PDB file of N, CA and C in Angstrom:
ATOM      1  N   PRO A   1      75.271  42.742  -9.832  1.00  0.00           N
ATOM      2  CA  PRO A   1      75.370  41.356 -10.331  1.00  0.00           C
ATOM      3  C   PRO A   1      76.138  41.441 -11.895  1.00  0.00           C
ATOM      4  N   THR A   2      76.922  40.305 -12.211  1.00  0.00           N
ATOM      5  CA  THR A   2      77.536  40.271 -13.458  1.00  0.00           C
ATOM      6  C   THR A   2      76.963  39.002 -14.072  1.00  0.00           C
ATOM      7  N   GLY A   3      77.517  38.886 -15.190  1.00  0.00           N
ATOM      8  CA  GLY A   3      77.259  37.435 -15.819  1.00  0.00           C
ATOM      9  C   GLY A   3      76.084  37.610 -16.629  1.00  0.00           C
ATOM     10  N   GLY A   4      75.770  36.507 -16.974  1.00  0.00           N
ATOM     11  CA  GLY A   4      74.359  36.233 -17.866  1.00  0.00           C
ATOM     12  C   GLY A   4      74.575  35.400 -18.873  1.00  0.00           C
ATOM     13  N   THR A   5      73.456  34.706 -19.427  1.00  0.00           N
ATOM     14  CA  THR A   5      73.633  34.150 -20.523  1.00  0.00           C
ATOM     15  C   THR A   5      73.001  34.462 -21.861  1.00  0.00           C
ATOM     16  N   VAL A   6      72.040  35.533 -21.691  1.00  0.00           N
ATOM     17  CA  VAL A   6      71.387  36.094 -22.902  1.00  0.00           C
ATOM     18  C   VAL A   6      71.844  37.599 -22.999  1.00  0.00           C
ATOM     19  N   TYR A   7      72.215  38.131 -24.197  1.00  0.00           N
ATOM     20  CA  TYR A   7      72.562  39.354 -24.573  1.00  0.00           C
ATOM     21  C   TYR A   7      71.381  39.971 -25.508  1.00  0.00           C
ATOM     22  N   ARG A   8      70.969  41.196 -25.121  1.00  0.00           N
ATOM     23  CA  ARG A   8      70.003  41.733 -26.017  1.00  0.00           C
ATOM     24  C   ARG A   8      70.270  43.226 -26.336  1.00  0.00           C
ATOM     25  N   THR A   9      70.212  43.571 -27.520  1.00  0.00           N
ATOM     26  CA  THR A   9      70.541  44.744 -27.926  1.00  0.00           C
ATOM     27  C   THR A   9      69.134  45.592 -28.364  1.00  0.00           C
ATOM     28  N   LEU A  10      68.672  46.795 -27.794  1.00  0.00           N
ATOM     29  CA  LEU A  10      67.585  47.500 -28.323  1.00  0.00           C
ATOM     30  C   LEU A  10      67.956  49.010 -28.812  1.00  0.00           C
ATOM     31  N   LEU A  11      67.875  48.922 -30.197  1.00  0.00           N
ATOM     32  CA  LEU A  11      67.920  50.206 -30.891  1.00  0.00           C
ATOM     33  C   LEU A  11      66.561  51.094 -30.598  1.00  0.00           C
ATOM     34  N   LEU A  12      66.858  52.426 -30.204  1.00  0.00           N
ATOM     35  CA  LEU A  12      65.400  53.282 -30.044  1.00  0.00           C
ATOM     36  C   LEU A  12      65.806  54.297 -30.711  1.00  0.00           C
ATOM     37  N   ARG A  13      64.613  55.022 -31.191  1.00  0.00           N
ATOM     38  CA  ARG A  13      64.756  56.439 -31.781  1.00  0.00           C
ATOM     39  C   ARG A  13      63.881  57.435 -31.094  1.00  0.00           C
ATOM     40  N   VAL A  14      64.437  58.586 -30.571  1.00  0.00           N
ATOM     41  CA  VAL A  14      63.586  59.573 -29.879  1.00  0.00           C
ATOM     42  C   VAL A  14      63.473  60.779 -31.170  1.00  0.00           C
ATOM     43  N   SER A  15      62.180  61.144 -31.225  1.00  0.00           N
ATOM     44  CA  SER A  15      61.847  62.117 -32.437  1.00  0.00           C
ATOM     45  C   SER A  15      62.714  63.317 -31.984  1.00  0.00           C
ATOM     46  N   PRO A  16      63.223  64.049 -33.146  1.00  0.00           N
ATOM     47  CA  PRO A  16      63.945  65.111 -32.869  1.00  0.00           C
ATOM     48  C   PRO A  16      63.266  66.329 -32.287  1.00  0.00           C
ATOM     49  N   ASP A  17      62.061  66.342 -32.469  1.00  0.00           N
ATOM     50  CA  ASP A  17      61.351  67.601 -31.640  1.00  0.00           C
ATOM     51  C   ASP A  17      60.880  67.365 -30.486  1.00  0.00           C
ATOM     52  N   THR A  18      61.300  66.123 -29.823  1.00  0.00           N
ATOM     53  CA  THR A  18      61.174  65.872 -28.346  1.00  0.00           C
ATOM     54  C   THR A  18      61.757  66.821 -27.400  1.00  0.00           C
ATOM     55  N   ALA A  19      61.071  67.149 -26.385  1.00  0.00           N
ATOM     56  CA  ALA A  19      61.526  68.050 -25.261  1.00  0.00           C
ATOM     57  C   ALA A  19      62.846  67.319 -24.723  1.00  0.00           C
ATOM     58  N   THR A  20      63.948  68.255 -24.395  1.00  0.00           N
ATOM     59  CA  THR A  20      65.038  67.661 -23.657  1.00  0.00           C
ATOM     60  C   THR A  20      64.724  67.140 -22.507  1.00  0.00           C
ATOM     61  N   GLU A  21      63.858  67.521 -21.743  1.00  0.00           N
ATOM     62  CA  GLU A  21      63.406  67.101 -20.353  1.00  0.00           C
ATOM     63  C   GLU A  21      62.558  65.651 -20.426  1.00  0.00           C
ATOM     64  N   THR A  22      61.789  65.461 -21.710  1.00  0.00           N
ATOM     65  CA  THR A  22      61.423  64.205 -21.804  1.00  0.00           C
ATOM     66  C   THR A  22      62.169  63.308 -22.111  1.00  0.00           C
ATOM     67  N   THR A  23      63.241  63.663 -22.999  1.00  0.00           N
ATOM     68  CA  THR A  23      64.460  62.773 -23.184  1.00  0.00           C
ATOM     69  C   THR A  23      65.283  62.274 -22.200  1.00  0.00           C
ATOM     70  N   ALA A  24      65.482  63.151 -21.028  1.00  0.00           N
ATOM     71  CA  ALA A  24      66.210  63.121 -20.024  1.00  0.00           C
ATOM     72  C   ALA A  24      65.481  62.156 -19.021  1.00  0.00           C
ATOM     73  N   ARG A  25      64.119  62.241 -18.965  1.00  0.00           N
ATOM     74  CA  ARG A  25      63.370  61.313 -18.112  1.00  0.00           C
ATOM     75  C   ARG A  25      63.247  59.853 -18.880  1.00  0.00           C
ATOM     76  N   PHE A  26      63.102  59.689 -20.012  1.00  0.00           N
ATOM     77  CA  PHE A  26      63.350  58.498 -20.938  1.00  0.00           C
ATOM     78  C   PHE A  26      64.620  57.738 -20.470  1.00  0.00           C
ATOM     79  N   GLU A  27      65.675  58.555 -20.545  1.00  0.00           N
ATOM     80  CA  GLU A  27      66.967  57.847 -20.224  1.00  0.00           C
ATOM     81  C   GLU A  27      66.929  57.480 -18.989  1.00  0.00           C
ATOM     82  N   ASP A  28      66.522  58.328 -18.083  1.00  0.00           N
ATOM     83  CA  ASP A  28      66.494  58.009 -16.671  1.00  0.00           C
ATOM     84  C   ASP A  28      65.898  56.721 -16.171  1.00  0.00           C
ATOM     85  N   GLU A  29      64.599  56.775 -16.818  1.00  0.00           N
ATOM     86  CA  GLU A  29      63.678  55.363 -16.592  1.00  0.00           C
ATOM     87  C   GLU A  29      64.351  54.128 -17.165  1.00  0.00           C
ATOM     88  N   LEU A  30      65.107  54.270 -18.366  1.00  0.00           N
ATOM     89  CA  LEU A  30      65.686  52.978 -18.933  1.00  0.00           C
ATOM     90  C   LEU A  30      66.885  52.692 -18.006  1.00  0.00           C
ATOM     91  N   ARG A  31      67.444  53.529 -17.448  1.00  0.00           N
ATOM     92  CA  ARG A  31      68.692  53.500 -16.422  1.00  0.00           C
ATOM     93  C   ARG A  31      68.328  52.685 -15.171  1.00  0.00           C
ATOM     94  N   SER A  32      66.866  53.029 -14.696  1.00  0.00           N
ATOM     95  CA  SER A  32      66.426  52.374 -13.449  1.00  0.00           C
ATOM     96  C   SER A  32      65.982  51.128 -13.737  1.00  0.00           C
ATOM     97  N   MET A  33      65.578  50.569 -14.948  1.00  0.00           N
ATOM     98  CA  MET A  33      65.127  49.420 -15.122  1.00  0.00           C
ATOM     99  C   MET A  33      65.612  48.198 -14.488  1.00  0.00           C
ATOM    100  N   ARG A  34      66.872  48.228 -14.092  1.00  0.00           N
ATOM    101  CA  ARG A  34      67.488  47.153 -13.284  1.00  0.00           C
ATOM    102  C   ARG A  34      67.022  46.973 -12.033  1.00  0.00           C
ATOM    103  N   ARG A  35      66.295  47.971 -11.383  1.00  0.00           N
ATOM    104  CA  ARG A  35      65.798  47.909  -9.925  1.00  0.00           C
ATOM    105  C   ARG A  35      64.712  47.245 -10.029  1.00  0.00           C
ATOM    106  N   TYR A  36      63.887  47.250 -11.256  1.00  0.00           N
ATOM    107  CA  TYR A  36      62.412  46.638 -11.309  1.00  0.00           C
ATOM    108  C   TYR A  36      62.746  45.055 -11.909  1.00  0.00           C
ATOM    109  N   VAL A  37      63.522  45.072 -12.674  1.00  0.00           N
ATOM    110  CA  VAL A  37      63.615  43.584 -13.414  1.00  0.00           C
ATOM    111  C   VAL A  37      64.869  42.936 -13.023  1.00  0.00           C
ATOM    112  N   LYS A  38      64.688  42.151 -12.017  1.00  0.00           N
ATOM    113  CA  LYS A  38      65.759  41.462 -11.206  1.00  0.00           C
ATOM    114  C   LYS A  38      66.558  40.601 -12.171  1.00  0.00           C
ATOM    115  N   THR A  39      66.213  40.152 -13.119  1.00  0.00           N
ATOM    116  CA  THR A  39      66.793  39.282 -14.299  1.00  0.00           C
ATOM    117  C   THR A  39      67.686  39.716 -15.080  1.00  0.00           C
ATOM    118  N   ILE A  40      67.903  41.090 -15.120  1.00  0.00           N
ATOM    119  CA  ILE A  40      69.010  41.962 -15.658  1.00  0.00           C
ATOM    120  C   ILE A  40      70.229  41.911 -15.053  1.00  0.00           C
ATOM    121  N   THR A  41      71.299  41.329 -15.613  1.00  0.00           N
ATOM    122  CA  THR A  41      72.528  41.070 -14.733  1.00  0.00           C
ATOM    123  C   THR A  41      73.460  42.377 -15.218  1.00  0.00           C
ATOM    124  N   GLY A  42      73.300  42.966 -16.278  1.00  0.00           N
ATOM    125  CA  GLY A  42      74.095  44.000 -16.662  1.00  0.00           C
ATOM    126  C   GLY A  42      73.243  44.956 -17.949  1.00  0.00           C
ATOM    127  N   TRP A  43      73.732  46.189 -17.928  1.00  0.00           N
ATOM    128  CA  TRP A  43      73.283  46.986 -18.952  1.00  0.00           C
ATOM    129  C   TRP A  43      74.079  48.032 -19.176  1.00  0.00           C
ATOM    130  N   GLN A  44      73.687  48.865 -20.467  1.00  0.00           N
ATOM    131  CA  GLN A  44      74.363  50.021 -20.712  1.00  0.00           C
ATOM    132  C   GLN A  44      73.500  50.811 -21.556  1.00  0.00           C
ATOM    133  N   LEU A  45      73.357  51.766 -21.612  1.00  0.00           N
ATOM    134  CA  LEU A  45      72.580  52.827 -22.281  1.00  0.00           C
ATOM    135  C   LEU A  45      73.502  54.071 -23.076  1.00  0.00           C
ATOM    136  N   SER A  46      73.555  54.004 -24.334  1.00  0.00           N
ATOM    137  CA  SER A  46      74.428  54.813 -24.888  1.00  0.00           C
ATOM    138  C   SER A  46      73.615  55.716 -25.873  1.00  0.00           C
ATOM    139  N   ARG A  47      74.105  56.991 -26.248  1.00  0.00           N
ATOM    140  CA  ARG A  47      73.565  57.813 -27.323  1.00  0.00           C
ATOM    141  C   ARG A  47      74.167  57.534 -28.400  1.00  0.00           C
ATOM    142  N   VAL A  48      73.701  57.399 -29.738  1.00  0.00           N
ATOM    143  CA  VAL A  48      74.246  57.195 -30.929  1.00  0.00           C
ATOM    144  C   VAL A  48      75.079  58.608 -31.563  1.00  0.00           C
ATOM    145  N   GLU A  49      75.984  58.628 -31.677  1.00  0.00           N
ATOM    146  CA  GLU A  49      76.543  59.743 -32.299  1.00  0.00           C
ATOM    147  C   GLU A  49      76.311  59.923 -33.898  1.00  0.00           C
ATOM    148  N   GLU A  50      76.286  58.808 -34.520  1.00  0.00           N
ATOM    149  CA  GLU A  50      75.968  58.719 -35.989  1.00  0.00           C
ATOM    150  C   GLU A  50      75.490  57.364 -36.512  1.00  0.00           C
ATOM    151  N   ALA A  51      74.103  57.639 -36.787  1.00  0.00           N
ATOM    152  CA  ALA A  51      73.472  56.478 -37.168  1.00  0.00           C
ATOM    153  C   ALA A  51      73.487  56.153 -38.734  1.00  0.00           C
ATOM    154  N   VAL A  52      73.601  54.958 -38.996  1.00  0.00           N
ATOM    155  CA  VAL A  52      73.730  54.606 -40.419  1.00  0.00           C
ATOM    156  C   VAL A  52      72.652  53.636 -40.670  1.00  0.00           C
ATOM    157  N   GLY A  53      71.984  53.732 -41.952  1.00  0.00           N
ATOM    158  CA  GLY A  53      70.772  53.059 -42.159  1.00  0.00           C
ATOM    159  C   GLY A  53      69.581  53.760 -42.354  1.00  0.00           C
ATOM    160  N   ALA A  54      68.619  53.130 -42.483  1.00  0.00           N
ATOM    161  CA  ALA A  54      67.186  53.672 -42.853  1.00  0.00           C
ATOM    162  C   ALA A  54      66.600  54.418 -41.835  1.00  0.00           C
ATOM    163  N   SER A  55      66.931  54.136 -40.300  1.00  0.00           N
ATOM    164  CA  SER A  55      66.410  54.729 -39.256  1.00  0.00           C
ATOM    165  C   SER A  55      67.502  55.703 -38.390  1.00  0.00           C
ATOM    166  N   ALA A  56      67.096  56.630 -37.965  1.00  0.00           N
ATOM    167  CA  ALA A  56      68.330  57.601 -37.221  1.00  0.00           C
ATOM    168  C   ALA A  56      68.066  57.367 -35.892  1.00  0.00           C
ATOM    169  N   TRP A  57      68.569  55.924 -35.609  1.00  0.00           N
ATOM    170  CA  TRP A  57      68.582  55.621 -34.123  1.00  0.00           C
ATOM    171  C   TRP A  57      69.429  56.745 -33.148  1.00  0.00           C
ATOM    172  N   THR A  58      68.859  56.886 -31.944  1.00  0.00           N
ATOM    173  CA  THR A  58      69.344  57.896 -31.095  1.00  0.00           C
ATOM    174  C   THR A  58      69.952  57.234 -29.808  1.00  0.00           C
ATOM    175  N   HIS A  59      69.348  56.067 -29.552  1.00  0.00           N
ATOM    176  CA  HIS A  59      70.047  55.315 -28.309  1.00  0.00           C
ATOM    177  C   HIS A  59      70.064  53.841 -28.540  1.00  0.00           C
ATOM    178  N   VAL A  60      71.090  53.289 -28.006  1.00  0.00           N
ATOM    179  CA  VAL A  60      71.298  51.708 -28.069  1.00  0.00           C
ATOM    180  C   VAL A  60      71.357  51.268 -26.362  1.00  0.00           C
ATOM    181  N   PHE A  61      70.360  50.479 -26.058  1.00  0.00           N
ATOM    182  CA  PHE A  61      70.169  49.892 -24.939  1.00  0.00           C
ATOM    183  C   PHE A  61      70.503  48.569 -24.823  1.00  0.00           C
ATOM    184  N   GLU A  62      71.774  47.998 -24.153  1.00  0.00           N
ATOM    185  CA  GLU A  62      72.276  46.818 -24.267  1.00  0.00           C
ATOM    186  C   GLU A  62      71.808  46.219 -22.811  1.00  0.00           C
ATOM    187  N   GLN A  63      71.401  44.769 -22.783  1.00  0.00           N
ATOM    188  CA  GLN A  63      71.178  44.320 -21.560  1.00  0.00           C
ATOM    189  C   GLN A  63      71.845  42.812 -21.527  1.00  0.00           C
ATOM    190  N   THR A  64      72.191  42.287 -20.455  1.00  0.00           N
ATOM    191  CA  THR A  64      72.276  40.874 -20.328  1.00  0.00           C
ATOM    192  C   THR A  64      71.445  40.395 -19.233  1.00  0.00           C
ATOM    193  N   PHE A  65      70.858  39.153 -19.380  1.00  0.00           N
ATOM    194  CA  PHE A  65      70.042  38.524 -18.603  1.00  0.00           C
ATOM    195  C   PHE A  65      70.185  37.207 -18.011  1.00  0.00           C
ATOM    196  N   THR A  66      69.654  36.790 -16.882  1.00  0.00           N
ATOM    197  CA  THR A  66      69.917  35.514 -16.368  1.00  0.00           C
ATOM    198  C   THR A  66      69.665  34.379 -17.301  1.00  0.00           C
ATOM    199  N   GLY A  67      68.948  34.463 -18.486  1.00  0.00           N
ATOM    200  CA  GLY A  67      68.767  33.511 -19.113  1.00  0.00           C
ATOM    201  C   GLY A  67      67.584  33.790 -19.956  1.00  0.00           C
ATOM    202  N   VAL A  68      67.099  32.819 -21.021  1.00  0.00           N
ATOM    203  CA  VAL A  68      65.882  33.240 -21.777  1.00  0.00           C
ATOM    204  C   VAL A  68      64.706  33.521 -21.131  1.00  0.00           C
ATOM    205  N   ASP A  69      64.551  32.573 -20.105  1.00  0.00           N
ATOM    206  CA  ASP A  69      63.395  32.688 -19.120  1.00  0.00           C
ATOM    207  C   ASP A  69      63.207  34.127 -18.493  1.00  0.00           C
ATOM    208  N   GLY A  70      64.460  34.774 -18.066  1.00  0.00           N
ATOM    209  CA  GLY A  70      64.693  36.011 -17.433  1.00  0.00           C
ATOM    210  C   GLY A  70      64.297  37.089 -18.410  1.00  0.00           C
ATOM    211  N   LEU A  71      64.449  36.869 -19.733  1.00  0.00           N
ATOM    212  CA  LEU A  71      64.203  37.716 -20.702  1.00  0.00           C
ATOM    213  C   LEU A  71      62.704  37.776 -21.182  1.00  0.00           C
ATOM    214  N   MET A  72      62.256  36.624 -21.374  1.00  0.00           N
ATOM    215  CA  MET A  72      60.998  36.391 -21.951  1.00  0.00           C
ATOM    216  C   MET A  72      59.749  36.799 -20.851  1.00  0.00           C
ATOM    217  N   GLY A  73      60.208  36.462 -19.667  1.00  0.00           N
ATOM    218  CA  GLY A  73      59.297  36.486 -18.598  1.00  0.00           C
ATOM    219  C   GLY A  73      59.337  38.048 -17.834  1.00  0.00           C
ATOM    220  N   PRO A  74      60.126  38.292 -16.988  1.00  0.00           N
ATOM    221  CA  PRO A  74      60.098  39.498 -16.151  1.00  0.00           C
ATOM    222  C   PRO A  74      60.441  40.746 -17.044  1.00  0.00           C
ATOM    223  N   TYR A  75      61.167  40.505 -17.951  1.00  0.00           N
ATOM    224  CA  TYR A  75      61.516  41.736 -18.758  1.00  0.00           C
ATOM    225  C   TYR A  75      60.436  42.154 -19.881  1.00  0.00           C
ATOM    226  N   LEU A  76      59.899  41.223 -20.596  1.00  0.00           N
ATOM    227  CA  LEU A  76      58.929  41.445 -21.697  1.00  0.00           C
ATOM    228  C   LEU A  76      57.585  41.721 -21.102  1.00  0.00           C
ATOM    229  N   MET A  77      57.440  41.142 -19.725  1.00  0.00           N
ATOM    230  CA  MET A  77      56.008  41.215 -19.076  1.00  0.00           C
ATOM    231  C   MET A  77      56.158  42.498 -18.104  1.00  0.00           C
ATOM    232  N   HIS A  78      57.027  43.277 -18.244  1.00  0.00           N
ATOM    233  CA  HIS A  78      57.196  44.429 -17.054  1.00  0.00           C
ATOM    234  C   HIS A  78      56.149  45.349 -17.696  1.00  0.00           C
TER     235      HIS A  78
END
């Protein structure tokens, strides 16, 4: 599905001492979220190459939703 009326960006930080396998599993689980939350109409997961600011973000997870109810209900209650 494409489209959506609500766009959300989630900035995440994986601790530098996290095992590579754990980070890979984390990324795979984020990528699979669309299968479980049907109100997500689009998404993208990216690794941060260079973070700016107080937190060293490692990932950006962008999503679009069917609407506010799709974000506040199925997504936040997953």
